[in-house]
Amino acid sequence: MAIIPFHIVDAFAAHPFTGNPAAVIPNASSLTEAEMLQITDELSMEAAFVLPPTTPGADVRLRFFTRRLEANLSGHAALAAFISMADRGFYRPTPEGVTLGLETGVGTLPVVLHSTRDGHTRVSLDMPAPRFGEPVPASEVGTALGVDPDMLHLGEQGPQRVSCGFDQIIVPVGVREVIRGSFLDMPAINALTDRRGVGGLTLFCPNTHRGDADFHCRFFQPKMGSNEDVASGTSLASLAAYVVHNGILPAALLTNITTEQGHSLGRPTLAELQVRSDGGRIRRITLTGTGRVVMRGSFHFDRKVRAAAY
């Protein structure tokens, strides 16, 4: 009988039952890839599987799965994994910060764990360097979303392909009512992402619910497992790169950005990003958030019985 513990963590959340839930499997060394996919599908949410590192300079390795496939990186699932490991005492964050190396499918990324005054953990994860691709016509994006393409710009900046470990189209939205609307034609959005060879579509608007947020965001990735995601770290990092690269926020050596997301799904989130630039070039994007462990449980299954069933 295999007994596999798991945690469920609400990422980018200061309170339980908000934020973006992710599953964390603390000791996944005995699992096959097929079992990882089955566990992820059973939980119906993205999952991070904790493994020993295989590269020098890494302290821990994470593999990320959606219900349909493995992803090279999931920002919110990585954050959830470190919240889980700190909760179990595997790492002990300090006010000054504990620095670790995280091995992922896109390389080894620096992570810093800070303890907060209320006894929780804040995770800061350096994201992969941004890559800027081609502009995407607003008419093409507007057709997929079912909105007027004239609404899909801020100043002269329109949709563009950007990647911070995950290719997507960043879409500026100038009208609050547009970004807060309903987007129901997922086959059209899926066709757009397939045609452009990207994994998702990130919309953002400077008209926010909260006064302390810079941008309201929504992220659609129907091919990866969910039509709309509550909050995505790779999406938010690409957004941060876009707004700095295109001058939507004033140029600075250090740009701080606060994003809100998830309101349309009833699970509001808040995330912080820092963009460090030098000579007009983005050098580093750091994603920061907290989370709460909301469930502890375990899977119980007989591997021989399962093998016979298939």
Protein backbone atom coordinates (compact mmCIF):
# COMPACT_ATOMS: atom_id res chain seq x y z
CA MET A 1 0.00 0.00 0.00
CA ALA A 2 1.43 3.36 -1.06
CA ILE A 3 0.69 6.24 1.32
CA ILE A 4 1.54 9.59 -0.28
CA PRO A 5 1.07 12.74 1.88
CA PHE A 6 -0.01 16.01 0.31
CA HIS A 7 -0.74 19.59 1.29
CA ILE A 8 -3.11 22.05 -0.35
CA VAL A 9 -1.89 25.63 -0.12
CA ASP A 10 -3.72 28.81 -1.08
CA ALA A 11 -0.98 30.79 -2.85
CA PHE A 12 -0.94 34.60 -3.03
CA ALA A 13 -3.31 34.63 -0.07
CA ALA A 14 -3.20 36.19 3.39
CA HIS A 15 -6.31 34.25 4.48
CA PRO A 16 -7.56 30.70 3.84
CA PHE A 17 -9.97 30.12 0.96
CA THR A 18 -8.64 33.02 -1.07
CA GLY A 19 -5.76 33.03 -3.51
CA ASN A 20 -4.87 30.26 -5.96
CA PRO A 21 -4.92 26.73 -4.52
CA ALA A 22 -2.10 24.35 -5.43
CA ALA A 23 -1.29 20.84 -4.29
CA VAL A 24 2.14 20.02 -2.89
CA ILE A 25 3.45 16.45 -2.64
CA PRO A 26 6.33 16.73 -0.15
CA ASN A 27 8.20 13.48 -0.88
CA ALA A 28 7.62 12.47 -4.48
CA SER A 29 10.75 10.39 -5.10
CA SER A 30 8.83 7.11 -5.24
CA LEU A 31 6.25 8.32 -7.75
CA THR A 32 6.26 7.63 -11.47
CA GLU A 33 5.39 10.37 -13.92
CA ALA A 34 2.09 8.62 -14.66
CA GLU A 35 1.25 8.63 -10.94
CA MET A 36 2.10 12.34 -10.71
CA LEU A 37 -0.37 13.07 -13.50
CA GLN A 38 -3.04 10.89 -11.86
CA ILE A 39 -2.60 12.58 -8.48
CA THR A 40 -2.84 16.01 -10.14
CA ASP A 41 -5.98 14.98 -12.00
CA GLU A 42 -7.53 13.55 -8.82
CA LEU A 43 -7.01 16.86 -7.00
CA SER A 44 -8.17 18.95 -10.00
CA MET A 45 -5.53 21.63 -9.48
CA GLU A 46 -1.92 22.31 -10.38
CA ALA A 47 0.57 20.40 -8.27
CA ALA A 48 4.23 20.69 -7.30
CA PHE A 49 6.16 17.50 -6.58
CA VAL A 50 9.16 17.89 -4.24
CA LEU A 51 12.27 15.94 -5.24
CA PRO A 52 15.98 15.87 -4.40
CA PRO A 53 18.06 18.20 -6.60
CA THR A 54 20.05 16.84 -9.54
CA THR A 55 22.09 19.95 -10.41
CA PRO A 56 24.87 21.72 -8.47
CA GLY A 57 23.74 24.80 -6.56
CA ALA A 58 20.16 23.60 -6.14
CA ASP A 59 18.71 22.76 -2.72
CA VAL A 60 15.47 21.24 -3.95
CA ARG A 61 13.87 20.22 -7.23
CA LEU A 62 10.23 20.76 -8.16
CA ARG A 63 8.23 19.20 -10.97
CA PHE A 64 4.99 20.92 -11.93
CA PHE A 65 1.90 19.29 -13.41
CA THR A 66 -1.46 20.51 -14.61
CA ARG A 67 -4.29 18.03 -15.06
CA ARG A 68 -3.16 17.50 -18.65
CA LEU A 69 0.61 17.81 -18.84
CA GLU A 70 3.88 18.74 -17.14
CA ALA A 71 4.91 22.41 -17.05
CA ASN A 72 8.49 23.65 -16.85
CA LEU A 73 7.54 26.23 -14.21
CA SER A 74 4.50 27.28 -12.21
CA GLY A 75 5.03 30.38 -10.09
CA HIS A 76 2.06 29.91 -7.75
CA ALA A 77 2.78 26.19 -7.28
CA ALA A 78 6.45 26.96 -6.48
CA LEU A 79 5.35 29.52 -3.91
CA ALA A 80 2.91 26.96 -2.45
CA ALA A 81 5.67 24.33 -2.23
CA PHE A 82 7.93 26.57 -0.14
CA ILE A 83 5.01 27.60 2.09
CA SER A 84 4.39 23.88 2.63
CA MET A 85 8.04 23.06 3.31
CA ALA A 86 8.32 25.92 5.81
CA ASP A 87 5.09 24.77 7.48
CA ARG A 88 6.59 21.30 7.96
CA GLY A 89 9.83 22.76 9.34
CA PHE A 90 11.88 21.55 6.39
CA TYR A 91 13.12 25.11 5.98
CA ARG A 92 13.07 27.75 8.71
CA PRO A 93 12.58 31.27 7.33
CA THR A 94 14.09 34.22 9.20
CA PRO A 95 13.31 37.96 9.14
CA GLU A 96 16.60 38.49 7.27
CA GLY A 97 15.77 35.78 4.73
CA VAL A 98 17.01 32.28 3.91
CA THR A 99 18.34 31.91 0.35
CA LEU A 100 17.89 28.65 -1.56
CA GLY A 101 18.31 27.31 -5.07
CA LEU A 102 15.26 25.85 -6.82
CA GLU A 103 15.78 23.41 -9.68
CA THR A 104 13.04 23.66 -12.32
CA GLY A 105 12.52 22.82 -15.96
CA VAL A 106 13.84 26.27 -16.88
CA GLY A 107 16.98 26.07 -14.74
CA THR A 108 17.93 26.84 -11.15
CA LEU A 109 16.18 29.89 -9.72
CA PRO A 110 17.06 31.78 -6.50
CA VAL A 111 14.43 31.74 -3.74
CA VAL A 112 14.40 33.73 -0.48
CA LEU A 113 12.17 32.79 2.47
CA HIS A 114 11.32 35.52 4.97
CA SER A 115 9.40 35.06 8.20
CA THR A 116 6.72 37.64 8.89
CA ARG A 117 5.73 39.21 12.21
CA ASP A 118 2.58 37.11 12.35
CA GLY A 119 4.55 33.88 12.00
CA HIS A 120 3.93 33.17 8.32
CA THR A 121 6.29 32.87 5.36
CA ARG A 122 6.86 35.23 2.44
CA VAL A 123 8.43 33.66 -0.61
CA SER A 124 10.46 35.66 -3.15
CA LEU A 125 11.26 33.81 -6.36
CA ASP A 126 13.50 35.13 -9.12
CA MET A 127 11.79 34.39 -12.42
CA PRO A 128 13.50 33.50 -15.71
CA ALA A 129 14.77 36.44 -17.76
CA PRO A 130 12.09 37.87 -20.07
CA ARG A 131 11.99 37.29 -23.78
CA PHE A 132 10.05 39.73 -25.94
CA GLY A 133 8.42 38.45 -29.09
CA GLU A 134 6.35 39.91 -31.88
CA PRO A 135 3.45 42.32 -31.51
CA VAL A 136 0.08 40.63 -32.01
CA PRO A 137 -2.61 42.61 -33.87
CA ALA A 138 -5.29 43.92 -31.53
CA SER A 139 -7.87 42.92 -34.15
CA GLU A 140 -6.82 39.28 -33.86
CA VAL A 141 -6.97 39.34 -30.05
CA GLY A 142 -10.23 41.31 -30.05
CA THR A 143 -11.88 38.74 -32.29
CA ALA A 144 -10.92 35.92 -29.91
CA LEU A 145 -12.12 37.85 -26.85
CA GLY A 146 -15.23 39.25 -28.51
CA VAL A 147 -14.34 42.87 -27.72
CA ASP A 148 -13.60 46.03 -29.70
CA PRO A 149 -9.86 45.94 -30.58
CA ASP A 150 -9.68 49.71 -29.96
CA MET A 151 -10.03 48.87 -26.25
CA LEU A 152 -6.90 46.68 -26.27
CA HIS A 153 -4.15 49.23 -25.82
CA LEU A 154 -2.59 51.64 -23.34
CA GLY A 155 -1.25 54.67 -25.18
CA GLU A 156 0.50 53.26 -28.22
CA GLN A 157 1.19 49.86 -26.66
CA GLY A 158 -0.86 46.88 -27.79
CA PRO A 159 -0.74 43.09 -27.41
CA GLN A 160 2.67 41.44 -27.54
CA ARG A 161 4.18 38.00 -27.05
CA VAL A 162 6.30 37.83 -23.87
CA SER A 163 7.82 34.95 -21.91
CA CYS A 164 9.23 34.55 -18.41
CA GLY A 165 9.47 30.79 -18.58
CA PHE A 166 6.10 30.45 -20.32
CA ASP A 167 5.14 32.02 -23.68
CA GLN A 168 1.96 34.10 -23.64
CA ILE A 169 0.31 37.17 -25.15
CA ILE A 170 0.20 40.22 -22.87
CA VAL A 171 -2.90 42.30 -23.60
CA PRO A 172 -3.28 45.87 -22.24
CA VAL A 173 -6.89 46.88 -21.64
CA GLY A 174 -7.77 50.55 -21.40
CA VAL A 175 -11.37 50.24 -20.20
CA ARG A 176 -12.35 48.82 -16.81
CA GLU A 177 -15.67 47.42 -18.03
CA VAL A 178 -13.88 45.36 -20.68
CA ILE A 179 -11.50 43.55 -18.35
CA ARG A 180 -14.28 42.91 -15.83
CA GLY A 181 -16.55 41.42 -18.48
CA SER A 182 -17.33 37.79 -19.29
CA PHE A 183 -15.15 35.92 -21.76
CA LEU A 184 -17.06 32.79 -22.70
CA ASP A 185 -15.69 31.75 -26.08
CA MET A 186 -12.84 29.55 -24.85
CA PRO A 187 -12.52 27.70 -28.19
CA ALA A 188 -11.75 31.07 -29.85
CA ILE A 189 -9.15 31.90 -27.18
CA ASN A 190 -7.70 28.41 -27.53
CA ALA A 191 -7.52 28.81 -31.30
CA LEU A 192 -5.64 32.09 -30.86
CA THR A 193 -3.09 30.58 -28.47
CA ASP A 194 -2.64 27.56 -30.77
CA ARG A 195 -2.19 29.76 -33.83
CA ARG A 196 0.37 31.93 -32.05
CA GLY A 197 2.12 29.02 -30.31
CA VAL A 198 1.64 30.39 -26.79
CA GLY A 199 0.27 28.88 -23.61
CA GLY A 200 -2.03 31.65 -22.47
CA LEU A 201 -3.44 35.14 -22.65
CA THR A 202 -2.82 37.75 -19.91
CA LEU A 203 -5.07 40.81 -19.73
CA PHE A 204 -4.22 43.77 -17.51
CA CYS A 205 -5.75 47.17 -16.77
CA PRO A 206 -4.67 50.08 -14.52
CA ASN A 207 -8.24 50.46 -13.17
CA THR A 208 -8.16 48.31 -10.03
CA HIS A 209 -10.45 47.21 -7.20
CA ARG A 210 -7.85 48.07 -4.55
CA GLY A 211 -6.18 51.41 -4.18
CA ASP A 212 -2.82 49.79 -3.40
CA ALA A 213 -2.71 47.71 -6.60
CA ASP A 214 -1.15 48.97 -9.82
CA PHE A 215 -2.91 46.60 -12.21
CA HIS A 216 -5.93 44.35 -12.32
CA CYS A 217 -5.13 41.12 -14.20
CA ARG A 218 -6.82 38.09 -15.72
CA PHE A 219 -5.13 35.02 -17.20
CA PHE A 220 -6.68 32.55 -19.64
CA GLN A 221 -5.02 29.21 -20.43
CA PRO A 222 -7.72 26.79 -21.65
CA LYS A 223 -5.24 24.36 -23.16
CA MET A 224 -3.24 23.93 -19.93
CA GLY A 225 -6.05 22.73 -17.71
CA SER A 226 -8.28 25.62 -16.63
CA ASN A 227 -10.08 28.23 -18.68
CA GLU A 228 -9.14 31.08 -16.33
CA ASP A 229 -6.46 30.92 -13.65
CA VAL A 230 -6.85 32.64 -10.28
CA ALA A 231 -3.24 33.88 -10.38
CA SER A 232 -0.18 32.79 -12.32
CA GLY A 233 3.40 33.69 -11.39
CA THR A 234 4.77 33.30 -14.92
CA SER A 235 1.89 35.42 -16.23
CA LEU A 236 2.51 38.19 -13.71
CA ALA A 237 6.27 38.19 -14.34
CA SER A 238 5.66 38.60 -18.07
CA LEU A 239 3.23 41.43 -17.35
CA ALA A 240 5.85 43.16 -15.17
CA ALA A 241 8.43 42.81 -17.94
CA TYR A 242 5.98 44.21 -20.50
CA VAL A 243 5.01 47.34 -18.54
CA VAL A 244 8.64 48.23 -17.78
CA HIS A 245 9.98 47.38 -21.23
CA ASN A 246 7.26 49.43 -22.94
CA GLY A 247 7.45 52.41 -20.58
CA ILE A 248 3.94 52.06 -19.15
CA LEU A 249 5.56 52.55 -15.74
CA PRO A 250 8.39 55.09 -15.43
CA ALA A 251 11.87 53.71 -16.01
CA ALA A 252 13.87 53.12 -12.81
CA LEU A 253 16.67 50.97 -11.47
CA LEU A 254 14.05 49.26 -9.29
CA THR A 255 10.35 49.20 -10.17
CA ASN A 256 7.86 47.85 -7.63
CA ILE A 257 4.56 46.53 -8.98
CA THR A 258 1.53 45.24 -7.08
CA THR A 259 -1.06 43.20 -8.96
CA GLU A 260 -4.55 42.00 -8.08
CA GLN A 261 -6.28 39.07 -9.72
CA GLY A 262 -8.94 36.41 -9.22
CA HIS A 263 -11.91 38.66 -8.45
CA SER A 264 -13.99 37.25 -11.31
CA LEU A 265 -13.52 33.78 -9.78
CA GLY A 266 -14.36 34.84 -6.22
CA ARG A 267 -10.78 34.28 -5.02
CA PRO A 268 -8.99 37.65 -4.87
CA THR A 269 -5.20 37.59 -4.81
CA LEU A 270 -2.42 40.11 -4.32
CA ALA A 271 1.14 39.68 -5.61
CA GLU A 272 4.25 41.84 -5.57
CA LEU A 273 6.90 42.09 -8.26
CA GLN A 274 10.23 43.85 -8.40
CA VAL A 275 11.84 44.62 -11.74
CA ARG A 276 15.53 45.53 -11.67
CA SER A 277 16.86 47.32 -14.73
CA ASP A 278 20.29 48.53 -15.78
CA GLY A 279 20.97 50.67 -18.82
CA GLY A 280 17.43 50.17 -20.07
CA ARG A 281 17.70 46.38 -19.90
CA ILE A 282 15.73 44.24 -17.46
CA ARG A 283 18.15 42.27 -15.32
CA ARG A 284 15.89 40.52 -12.82
CA ILE A 285 12.21 40.02 -12.02
CA THR A 286 11.33 38.84 -8.52
CA LEU A 287 7.88 37.53 -7.63
CA THR A 288 6.83 37.73 -3.97
CA GLY A 289 3.81 36.37 -2.19
CA THR A 290 2.56 34.51 0.83
CA GLY A 291 0.07 31.70 1.31
CA ARG A 292 -1.76 29.47 3.75
CA VAL A 293 -1.84 25.70 4.16
CA VAL A 294 -5.53 24.78 4.16
CA MET A 295 -5.45 20.97 3.97
CA ARG A 296 -3.20 18.09 4.97
CA GLY A 297 -3.99 14.60 3.76
CA SER A 298 -2.65 11.52 2.03
CA PHE A 299 -3.32 9.27 -0.93
CA HIS A 300 -3.66 5.54 -0.27
CA PHE A 301 -3.45 3.15 -3.19
CA ASP A 302 -2.17 -0.31 -4.03
CA ARG A 303 0.22 -0.12 -6.94
CA LYS A 304 -0.31 -3.78 -7.92
CA VAL A 305 -4.07 -3.39 -8.07
CA ARG A 306 -3.75 -0.19 -10.09
CA ALA A 307 -1.35 -1.82 -12.53
CA ALA A 308 -3.77 -4.70 -13.06
CA ALA A 309 -6.68 -2.29 -13.62
CA TYR A 310 -4.88 -0.65 -16.49
